[in-house]
Amino acid sequence: MQERAVRTRQRVLRAAAELLSSQGRAGISTRAVSAAAGVQPPTLYRLFGDKDGLLDALAAYGFQQYLREKQALEETDDPVADLRRSWDLHVGFGLSQPGFYVLMYGEGRYRGGIPGGLETIAILRRTLARVAAAGRLRMSVERATQLVHAMGLGVVLSLIATPPSERDQYLPATAREHALRMITTTSTAEEQSADLARRAATLREALSRADTTAMTPSERALLADWLDRLADGSPAARSAP
């Protein structure tokens, strides 16, 4: 793409981002974006293909902002504490940028071919893999990733849909702690009852990181499947939504 076209594309995205922040999703139309960016509507179609292409590019623009904040979080030696901080950052971004959040997550654009959207899920999975490696996860990394991701989205989208004056300010923290109780071991009694699931999840994560020739690829895949089934077979894992 020529340098002039790149500059024009960035100007259009900045204008669209300002409209999204000030007017929400309803404020994004080709006519409004063109006027705000100082270009003709055909320019948008030439740069983005159609309105859906513009929305995908705008979602990607939002994910770039979110990932800068996410990647700025430094890891500590406590992956569960890191998971708490990641949850709080996610909620904070959604409530401070509701227009972007609904576009990015409410419409499911993170599931498409937007690298930033896929990276947000990958970051969550890596954090949960560290929890598993520390022996603190009571189910498989994959199930825990799906559970935490779904609960986080539900909380933020629910709050966005609620008038600010009617929001429960304690809901995000309450949901966060509930999610952590479901996926992690927090006491001696719980560790004993979830011991098999915890050990299976820990071994599964160690297997994914190990470069061993003791088993064939098919044997590794079979063992990984068995370990996931054991990790998800505990009462707590089975009761998770």
C-alpha atoms as a PDB file:
ATOM      1  CA  MET A   1       0.000   0.000   0.000  1.00  0.00           C
ATOM      2  CA  GLN A   2       1.379   3.387  -0.981  1.00  0.00           C
ATOM      3  CA  GLU A   3       2.418   5.771   1.768  1.00  0.00           C
ATOM      4  CA  ARG A   4      -0.367   8.233   0.944  1.00  0.00           C
ATOM      5  CA  ALA A   5      -2.980   5.481   1.123  1.00  0.00           C
ATOM      6  CA  VAL A   6      -1.565   4.323   4.468  1.00  0.00           C
ATOM      7  CA  ARG A   7      -1.844   7.839   5.893  1.00  0.00           C
ATOM      8  CA  THR A   8      -5.395   8.180   4.590  1.00  0.00           C
ATOM      9  CA  ARG A   9      -6.330   4.816   6.085  1.00  0.00           C
ATOM     10  CA  GLN A  10      -4.986   5.838   9.485  1.00  0.00           C
ATOM     11  CA  ARG A  11      -6.843   9.159   9.303  1.00  0.00           C
ATOM     12  CA  VAL A  12     -10.091   7.356   8.519  1.00  0.00           C
ATOM     13  CA  LEU A  13      -9.565   4.909  11.404  1.00  0.00           C
ATOM     14  CA  ARG A  14      -8.823   7.718  13.859  1.00  0.00           C
ATOM     15  CA  ALA A  15     -11.961   9.556  12.751  1.00  0.00           C
ATOM     16  CA  ALA A  16     -14.028   6.384  13.053  1.00  0.00           C
ATOM     17  CA  ALA A  17     -12.546   5.711  16.491  1.00  0.00           C
ATOM     18  CA  GLU A  18     -13.547   9.181  17.701  1.00  0.00           C
ATOM     19  CA  LEU A  19     -17.085   8.674  16.387  1.00  0.00           C
ATOM     20  CA  LEU A  20     -17.295   5.276  18.054  1.00  0.00           C
ATOM     21  CA  SER A  21     -16.110   6.682  21.382  1.00  0.00           C
ATOM     22  CA  SER A  22     -18.470   9.668  21.303  1.00  0.00           C
ATOM     23  CA  GLN A  23     -21.567   8.211  19.631  1.00  0.00           C
ATOM     24  CA  GLY A  24     -21.260   4.444  20.011  1.00  0.00           C
ATOM     25  CA  ARG A  25     -21.819   1.783  17.396  1.00  0.00           C
ATOM     26  CA  ALA A  26     -24.847   3.614  15.954  1.00  0.00           C
ATOM     27  CA  GLY A  27     -22.639   6.567  15.004  1.00  0.00           C
ATOM     28  CA  ILE A  28     -20.575   4.541  12.547  1.00  0.00           C
ATOM     29  CA  SER A  29     -21.846   5.021   9.008  1.00  0.00           C
ATOM     30  CA  THR A  30     -19.870   5.443   5.805  1.00  0.00           C
ATOM     31  CA  ARG A  31     -21.289   8.946   5.391  1.00  0.00           C
ATOM     32  CA  ALA A  32     -20.403  10.028   8.954  1.00  0.00           C
ATOM     33  CA  VAL A  33     -16.917   8.502   8.858  1.00  0.00           C
ATOM     34  CA  SER A  34     -16.182  10.001   5.441  1.00  0.00           C
ATOM     35  CA  ALA A  35     -17.227  13.454   6.608  1.00  0.00           C
ATOM     36  CA  ALA A  36     -15.225  13.191   9.849  1.00  0.00           C
ATOM     37  CA  ALA A  37     -12.111  12.035   7.985  1.00  0.00           C
ATOM     38  CA  GLY A  38     -12.482  14.574   5.189  1.00  0.00           C
ATOM     39  CA  VAL A  39     -12.655  12.001   2.391  1.00  0.00           C
ATOM     40  CA  GLN A  40     -15.262  10.928  -0.149  1.00  0.00           C
ATOM     41  CA  PRO A  41     -17.265   7.707   0.497  1.00  0.00           C
ATOM     42  CA  PRO A  42     -15.647   5.905  -2.472  1.00  0.00           C
ATOM     43  CA  THR A  43     -12.310   6.271  -0.673  1.00  0.00           C
ATOM     44  CA  LEU A  44     -13.627   4.122   2.188  1.00  0.00           C
ATOM     45  CA  TYR A  45     -14.707   1.390  -0.202  1.00  0.00           C
ATOM     46  CA  ARG A  46     -11.349   1.508  -1.956  1.00  0.00           C
ATOM     47  CA  LEU A  47      -9.468   1.176   1.351  1.00  0.00           C
ATOM     48  CA  PHE A  48     -11.731  -1.244   3.244  1.00  0.00           C
ATOM     49  CA  GLY A  49     -13.864  -2.969   0.614  1.00  0.00           C
ATOM     50  CA  ASP A  50     -17.207  -2.349   2.327  1.00  0.00           C
ATOM     51  CA  LYS A  51     -18.658  -1.198   5.642  1.00  0.00           C
ATOM     52  CA  ASP A  52     -18.007  -4.581   7.252  1.00  0.00           C
ATOM     53  CA  GLY A  53     -14.359  -4.310   6.217  1.00  0.00           C
ATOM     54  CA  LEU A  54     -14.221  -0.892   7.872  1.00  0.00           C
ATOM     55  CA  LEU A  55     -15.717  -2.329  11.066  1.00  0.00           C
ATOM     56  CA  ASP A  56     -13.189  -5.174  11.071  1.00  0.00           C
ATOM     57  CA  ALA A  57     -10.361  -2.663  10.676  1.00  0.00           C
ATOM     58  CA  LEU A  58     -11.837  -0.526  13.469  1.00  0.00           C
ATOM     59  CA  ALA A  59     -12.085  -3.574  15.747  1.00  0.00           C
ATOM     60  CA  ALA A  60      -8.448  -4.376  14.972  1.00  0.00           C
ATOM     61  CA  TYR A  61      -7.591  -0.755  15.851  1.00  0.00           C
ATOM     62  CA  GLY A  62      -9.321  -1.241  19.204  1.00  0.00           C
ATOM     63  CA  PHE A  63      -7.514  -4.499  19.886  1.00  0.00           C
ATOM     64  CA  GLN A  64      -4.191  -2.739  19.283  1.00  0.00           C
ATOM     65  CA  GLN A  65      -5.037  -0.286  22.069  1.00  0.00           C
ATOM     66  CA  TYR A  66      -6.203  -3.048  24.391  1.00  0.00           C
ATOM     67  CA  LEU A  67      -3.164  -5.244  23.741  1.00  0.00           C
ATOM     68  CA  ARG A  68      -0.781  -2.403  24.528  1.00  0.00           C
ATOM     69  CA  GLU A  69      -2.334  -2.223  27.990  1.00  0.00           C
ATOM     70  CA  LYS A  70      -2.465  -6.012  28.346  1.00  0.00           C
ATOM     71  CA  GLN A  71       1.138  -6.548  27.299  1.00  0.00           C
ATOM     72  CA  ALA A  72       2.295  -3.821  29.679  1.00  0.00           C
ATOM     73  CA  LEU A  73       1.268  -6.002  32.636  1.00  0.00           C
ATOM     74  CA  GLU A  74       4.432  -7.555  34.021  1.00  0.00           C
ATOM     75  CA  GLU A  75       4.363 -11.182  35.115  1.00  0.00           C
ATOM     76  CA  THR A  76       4.989 -11.965  38.764  1.00  0.00           C
ATOM     77  CA  ASP A  77       5.759 -15.236  40.488  1.00  0.00           C
ATOM     78  CA  ASP A  78       2.060 -15.562  41.394  1.00  0.00           C
ATOM     79  CA  PRO A  79       0.065 -16.484  38.254  1.00  0.00           C
ATOM     80  CA  VAL A  80      -3.258 -16.363  40.119  1.00  0.00           C
ATOM     81  CA  ALA A  81      -2.586 -12.759  41.146  1.00  0.00           C
ATOM     82  CA  ASP A  82      -1.614 -12.030  37.543  1.00  0.00           C
ATOM     83  CA  LEU A  83      -4.953 -13.504  36.432  1.00  0.00           C
ATOM     84  CA  ARG A  84      -6.776 -11.153  38.813  1.00  0.00           C
ATOM     85  CA  ARG A  85      -4.939  -8.140  37.397  1.00  0.00           C
ATOM     86  CA  SER A  86      -5.674  -9.267  33.854  1.00  0.00           C
ATOM     87  CA  TRP A  87      -9.381  -9.600  34.664  1.00  0.00           C
ATOM     88  CA  ASP A  88      -9.481  -6.130  36.216  1.00  0.00           C
ATOM     89  CA  LEU A  89      -7.733  -4.620  33.207  1.00  0.00           C
ATOM     90  CA  HIS A  90     -10.220  -6.305  30.858  1.00  0.00           C
ATOM     91  CA  VAL A  91     -13.187  -4.940  32.807  1.00  0.00           C
ATOM     92  CA  GLY A  92     -11.616  -1.492  33.014  1.00  0.00           C
ATOM     93  CA  PHE A  93     -11.042  -1.349  29.272  1.00  0.00           C
ATOM     94  CA  GLY A  94     -14.588  -2.454  28.505  1.00  0.00           C
ATOM     95  CA  LEU A  95     -16.216   0.103  30.772  1.00  0.00           C
ATOM     96  CA  SER A  96     -13.965   2.950  29.632  1.00  0.00           C
ATOM     97  CA  GLN A  97     -14.371   2.072  25.930  1.00  0.00           C
ATOM     98  CA  PRO A  98     -17.888   0.598  25.656  1.00  0.00           C
ATOM     99  CA  GLY A  99     -18.288   1.391  21.969  1.00  0.00           C
ATOM    100  CA  PHE A 100     -15.076  -0.392  21.081  1.00  0.00           C
ATOM    101  CA  TYR A 101     -15.817  -3.275  23.444  1.00  0.00           C
ATOM    102  CA  VAL A 102     -19.224  -4.012  21.918  1.00  0.00           C
ATOM    103  CA  LEU A 103     -17.728  -3.860  18.438  1.00  0.00           C
ATOM    104  CA  MET A 104     -14.782  -6.074  19.381  1.00  0.00           C
ATOM    105  CA  TYR A 105     -16.518  -8.647  21.564  1.00  0.00           C
ATOM    106  CA  GLY A 106     -20.272  -8.123  21.382  1.00  0.00           C
ATOM    107  CA  GLU A 107     -20.262  -8.835  17.664  1.00  0.00           C
ATOM    108  CA  GLY A 108     -17.797 -11.712  17.954  1.00  0.00           C
ATOM    109  CA  ARG A 109     -15.179 -10.121  15.722  1.00  0.00           C
ATOM    110  CA  TYR A 110     -12.378 -11.458  17.952  1.00  0.00           C
ATOM    111  CA  ARG A 111     -13.223 -14.931  16.633  1.00  0.00           C
ATOM    112  CA  GLY A 112     -12.416 -13.959  13.083  1.00  0.00           C
ATOM    113  CA  GLY A 113      -9.104 -13.315  11.392  1.00  0.00           C
ATOM    114  CA  ILE A 114      -8.157 -10.311  13.538  1.00  0.00           C
ATOM    115  CA  PRO A 115      -4.734 -11.128  15.041  1.00  0.00           C
ATOM    116  CA  GLY A 116      -5.255  -8.865  18.038  1.00  0.00           C
ATOM    117  CA  GLY A 117      -8.499 -10.613  18.924  1.00  0.00           C
ATOM    118  CA  LEU A 118      -6.872 -14.026  18.774  1.00  0.00           C
ATOM    119  CA  GLU A 119      -3.904 -12.762  20.815  1.00  0.00           C
ATOM    120  CA  THR A 120      -6.166 -11.672  23.677  1.00  0.00           C
ATOM    121  CA  ILE A 121      -7.341 -15.276  24.026  1.00  0.00           C
ATOM    122  CA  ALA A 122      -3.761 -16.541  23.709  1.00  0.00           C
ATOM    123  CA  ILE A 123      -2.600 -14.256  26.537  1.00  0.00           C
ATOM    124  CA  LEU A 124      -5.361 -15.582  28.797  1.00  0.00           C
ATOM    125  CA  ARG A 125      -4.455 -19.141  27.939  1.00  0.00           C
ATOM    126  CA  ARG A 126      -0.760 -18.535  28.676  1.00  0.00           C
ATOM    127  CA  THR A 127      -1.619 -17.101  32.091  1.00  0.00           C
ATOM    128  CA  LEU A 128      -3.806 -20.109  32.891  1.00  0.00           C
ATOM    129  CA  ALA A 129      -1.052 -22.434  31.665  1.00  0.00           C
ATOM    130  CA  ARG A 130       1.209 -20.854  34.295  1.00  0.00           C
ATOM    131  CA  VAL A 131      -1.486 -21.478  36.902  1.00  0.00           C
ATOM    132  CA  ALA A 132      -1.578 -25.131  35.808  1.00  0.00           C
ATOM    133  CA  ALA A 133       2.215 -25.411  35.844  1.00  0.00           C
ATOM    134  CA  ALA A 134       2.155 -24.146  39.441  1.00  0.00           C
ATOM    135  CA  GLY A 135      -0.244 -26.951  40.387  1.00  0.00           C
ATOM    136  CA  ARG A 136      -3.130 -24.579  41.111  1.00  0.00           C
ATOM    137  CA  LEU A 137      -5.596 -25.414  38.306  1.00  0.00           C
ATOM    138  CA  ARG A 138      -8.423 -27.863  38.992  1.00  0.00           C
ATOM    139  CA  MET A 139      -9.401 -28.409  35.319  1.00  0.00           C
ATOM    140  CA  SER A 140      -7.788 -28.364  31.898  1.00  0.00           C
ATOM    141  CA  VAL A 141      -6.245 -25.133  30.611  1.00  0.00           C
ATOM    142  CA  GLU A 142      -8.605 -25.154  27.625  1.00  0.00           C
ATOM    143  CA  ARG A 143     -11.762 -25.429  29.744  1.00  0.00           C
ATOM    144  CA  ALA A 144     -10.524 -22.810  32.204  1.00  0.00           C
ATOM    145  CA  THR A 145      -9.739 -20.456  29.305  1.00  0.00           C
ATOM    146  CA  GLN A 146     -13.233 -20.829  27.873  1.00  0.00           C
ATOM    147  CA  LEU A 147     -14.820 -20.385  31.296  1.00  0.00           C
ATOM    148  CA  VAL A 148     -12.911 -17.262  32.328  1.00  0.00           C
ATOM    149  CA  HIS A 149     -13.292 -15.700  28.886  1.00  0.00           C
ATOM    150  CA  ALA A 150     -17.057 -16.296  28.825  1.00  0.00           C
ATOM    151  CA  MET A 151     -17.566 -14.982  32.346  1.00  0.00           C
ATOM    152  CA  GLY A 152     -15.490 -11.877  31.676  1.00  0.00           C
ATOM    153  CA  LEU A 153     -17.420 -11.072  28.507  1.00  0.00           C
ATOM    154  CA  GLY A 154     -20.735 -11.632  30.228  1.00  0.00           C
ATOM    155  CA  VAL A 155     -19.896  -9.324  33.114  1.00  0.00           C
ATOM    156  CA  VAL A 156     -18.657  -6.469  30.946  1.00  0.00           C
ATOM    157  CA  LEU A 157     -21.449  -6.664  28.355  1.00  0.00           C
ATOM    158  CA  SER A 158     -24.029  -6.825  31.154  1.00  0.00           C
ATOM    159  CA  LEU A 159     -22.582  -3.730  32.824  1.00  0.00           C
ATOM    160  CA  ILE A 160     -22.395  -1.837  29.534  1.00  0.00           C
ATOM    161  CA  ALA A 161     -26.095  -2.577  28.969  1.00  0.00           C
ATOM    162  CA  THR A 162     -26.946  -1.235  32.447  1.00  0.00           C
ATOM    163  CA  PRO A 163     -27.262   2.524  33.067  1.00  0.00           C
ATOM    164  CA  PRO A 164     -24.201   3.670  35.064  1.00  0.00           C
ATOM    165  CA  SER A 165     -26.365   4.803  37.978  1.00  0.00           C
ATOM    166  CA  GLU A 166     -27.856   1.304  38.291  1.00  0.00           C
ATOM    167  CA  ARG A 167     -24.653  -0.737  38.025  1.00  0.00           C
ATOM    168  CA  ASP A 168     -23.466  -2.977  40.835  1.00  0.00           C
ATOM    169  CA  GLN A 169     -19.922  -1.723  41.395  1.00  0.00           C
ATOM    170  CA  TYR A 170     -18.999  -4.942  43.185  1.00  0.00           C
ATOM    171  CA  LEU A 171     -20.149  -7.256  40.381  1.00  0.00           C
ATOM    172  CA  PRO A 172     -16.811  -7.488  38.513  1.00  0.00           C
ATOM    173  CA  ALA A 173     -14.835  -8.415  41.638  1.00  0.00           C
ATOM    174  CA  THR A 174     -17.535 -10.827  42.817  1.00  0.00           C
ATOM    175  CA  ALA A 175     -17.611 -12.577  39.450  1.00  0.00           C
ATOM    176  CA  ARG A 176     -13.811 -12.660  39.328  1.00  0.00           C
ATOM    177  CA  GLU A 177     -13.507 -14.364  42.698  1.00  0.00           C
ATOM    178  CA  HIS A 178     -16.288 -16.793  41.835  1.00  0.00           C
ATOM    179  CA  ALA A 179     -14.468 -17.744  38.633  1.00  0.00           C
ATOM    180  CA  LEU A 180     -11.210 -18.228  40.524  1.00  0.00           C
ATOM    181  CA  ARG A 181     -12.887 -20.469  43.091  1.00  0.00           C
ATOM    182  CA  MET A 182     -14.248 -22.601  40.276  1.00  0.00           C
ATOM    183  CA  ILE A 183     -10.973 -23.092  38.436  1.00  0.00           C
ATOM    184  CA  THR A 184      -8.270 -22.990  41.115  1.00  0.00           C
ATOM    185  CA  THR A 185      -7.482 -24.768  44.362  1.00  0.00           C
ATOM    186  CA  THR A 186      -7.580 -22.406  47.320  1.00  0.00           C
ATOM    187  CA  SER A 187      -7.479 -24.534  50.462  1.00  0.00           C
ATOM    188  CA  THR A 188      -6.084 -27.822  51.760  1.00  0.00           C
ATOM    189  CA  ALA A 189      -9.491 -29.519  51.664  1.00  0.00           C
ATOM    190  CA  GLU A 190     -10.120 -28.367  48.129  1.00  0.00           C
ATOM    191  CA  GLU A 191      -6.655 -29.439  47.056  1.00  0.00           C
ATOM    192  CA  GLN A 192      -7.287 -32.920  48.397  1.00  0.00           C
ATOM    193  CA  SER A 193     -10.658 -33.271  46.690  1.00  0.00           C
ATOM    194  CA  ALA A 194      -9.317 -31.949  43.396  1.00  0.00           C
ATOM    195  CA  ASP A 195      -5.907 -33.617  43.630  1.00  0.00           C
ATOM    196  CA  LEU A 196      -6.303 -35.877  40.596  1.00  0.00           C
ATOM    197  CA  ALA A 197      -7.648 -33.088  38.400  1.00  0.00           C
ATOM    198  CA  ARG A 198      -4.903 -30.724  39.568  1.00  0.00           C
ATOM    199  CA  ARG A 199      -2.137 -33.238  38.922  1.00  0.00           C
ATOM    200  CA  ALA A 200      -3.576 -34.100  35.518  1.00  0.00           C
ATOM    201  CA  ALA A 201      -3.739 -30.427  34.508  1.00  0.00           C
ATOM    202  CA  THR A 202      -0.179 -29.862  35.721  1.00  0.00           C
ATOM    203  CA  LEU A 203       1.154 -32.903  33.864  1.00  0.00           C
ATOM    204  CA  ARG A 204      -0.779 -31.921  30.734  1.00  0.00           C
ATOM    205  CA  GLU A 205       0.872 -28.512  30.688  1.00  0.00           C
ATOM    206  CA  ALA A 206       4.312 -30.020  31.364  1.00  0.00           C
ATOM    207  CA  LEU A 207       3.770 -32.428  28.461  1.00  0.00           C
ATOM    208  CA  SER A 208       2.913 -29.570  26.105  1.00  0.00           C
ATOM    209  CA  ARG A 209       6.186 -27.846  26.983  1.00  0.00           C
ATOM    210  CA  ALA A 210       8.445 -30.885  26.997  1.00  0.00           C
ATOM    211  CA  ASP A 211      10.555 -31.865  24.019  1.00  0.00           C
ATOM    212  CA  THR A 212      10.615 -35.581  24.646  1.00  0.00           C
ATOM    213  CA  THR A 213      11.210 -38.468  22.258  1.00  0.00           C
ATOM    214  CA  ALA A 214       9.961 -41.089  24.706  1.00  0.00           C
ATOM    215  CA  MET A 215       6.613 -41.176  22.891  1.00  0.00           C
ATOM    216  CA  THR A 216       5.491 -40.874  19.305  1.00  0.00           C
ATOM    217  CA  PRO A 217       3.396 -37.848  18.292  1.00  0.00           C
ATOM    218  CA  SER A 218       0.261 -39.996  18.264  1.00  0.00           C
ATOM    219  CA  GLU A 219       1.045 -41.314  21.747  1.00  0.00           C
ATOM    220  CA  ARG A 220       1.590 -37.755  23.018  1.00  0.00           C
ATOM    221  CA  ALA A 221      -1.739 -36.688  21.525  1.00  0.00           C
ATOM    222  CA  LEU A 222      -3.512 -39.653  23.128  1.00  0.00           C
ATOM    223  CA  LEU A 223      -1.961 -38.973  26.530  1.00  0.00           C
ATOM    224  CA  ALA A 224      -2.846 -35.283  26.247  1.00  0.00           C
ATOM    225  CA  ASP A 225      -6.461 -36.225  25.555  1.00  0.00           C
ATOM    226  CA  TRP A 226      -6.549 -38.569  28.573  1.00  0.00           C
ATOM    227  CA  LEU A 227      -5.051 -35.906  30.844  1.00  0.00           C
ATOM    228  CA  ASP A 228      -7.588 -33.312  29.668  1.00  0.00           C
ATOM    229  CA  ARG A 229     -10.398 -35.775  30.421  1.00  0.00           C
ATOM    230  CA  LEU A 230      -9.020 -36.408  33.912  1.00  0.00           C
ATOM    231  CA  ALA A 231      -8.554 -32.677  34.538  1.00  0.00           C
ATOM    232  CA  ASP A 232     -12.147 -31.979  33.464  1.00  0.00           C
ATOM    233  CA  GLY A 233     -13.561 -34.992  35.277  1.00  0.00           C
ATOM    234  CA  SER A 234     -13.542 -33.597  38.823  1.00  0.00           C
ATOM    235  CA  PRO A 235     -16.876 -32.519  40.359  1.00  0.00           C
ATOM    236  CA  ALA A 236     -15.853 -28.849  40.196  1.00  0.00           C
ATOM    237  CA  ALA A 237     -14.914 -29.079  36.540  1.00  0.00           C
ATOM    238  CA  ARG A 238     -18.086 -30.933  35.627  1.00  0.00           C
ATOM    239  CA  SER A 239     -20.214 -28.334  37.384  1.00  0.00           C
ATOM    240  CA  ALA A 240     -18.596 -25.433  35.526  1.00  0.00           C
ATOM    241  CA  PRO A 241     -20.891 -23.836  32.928  1.00  0.00           C
END
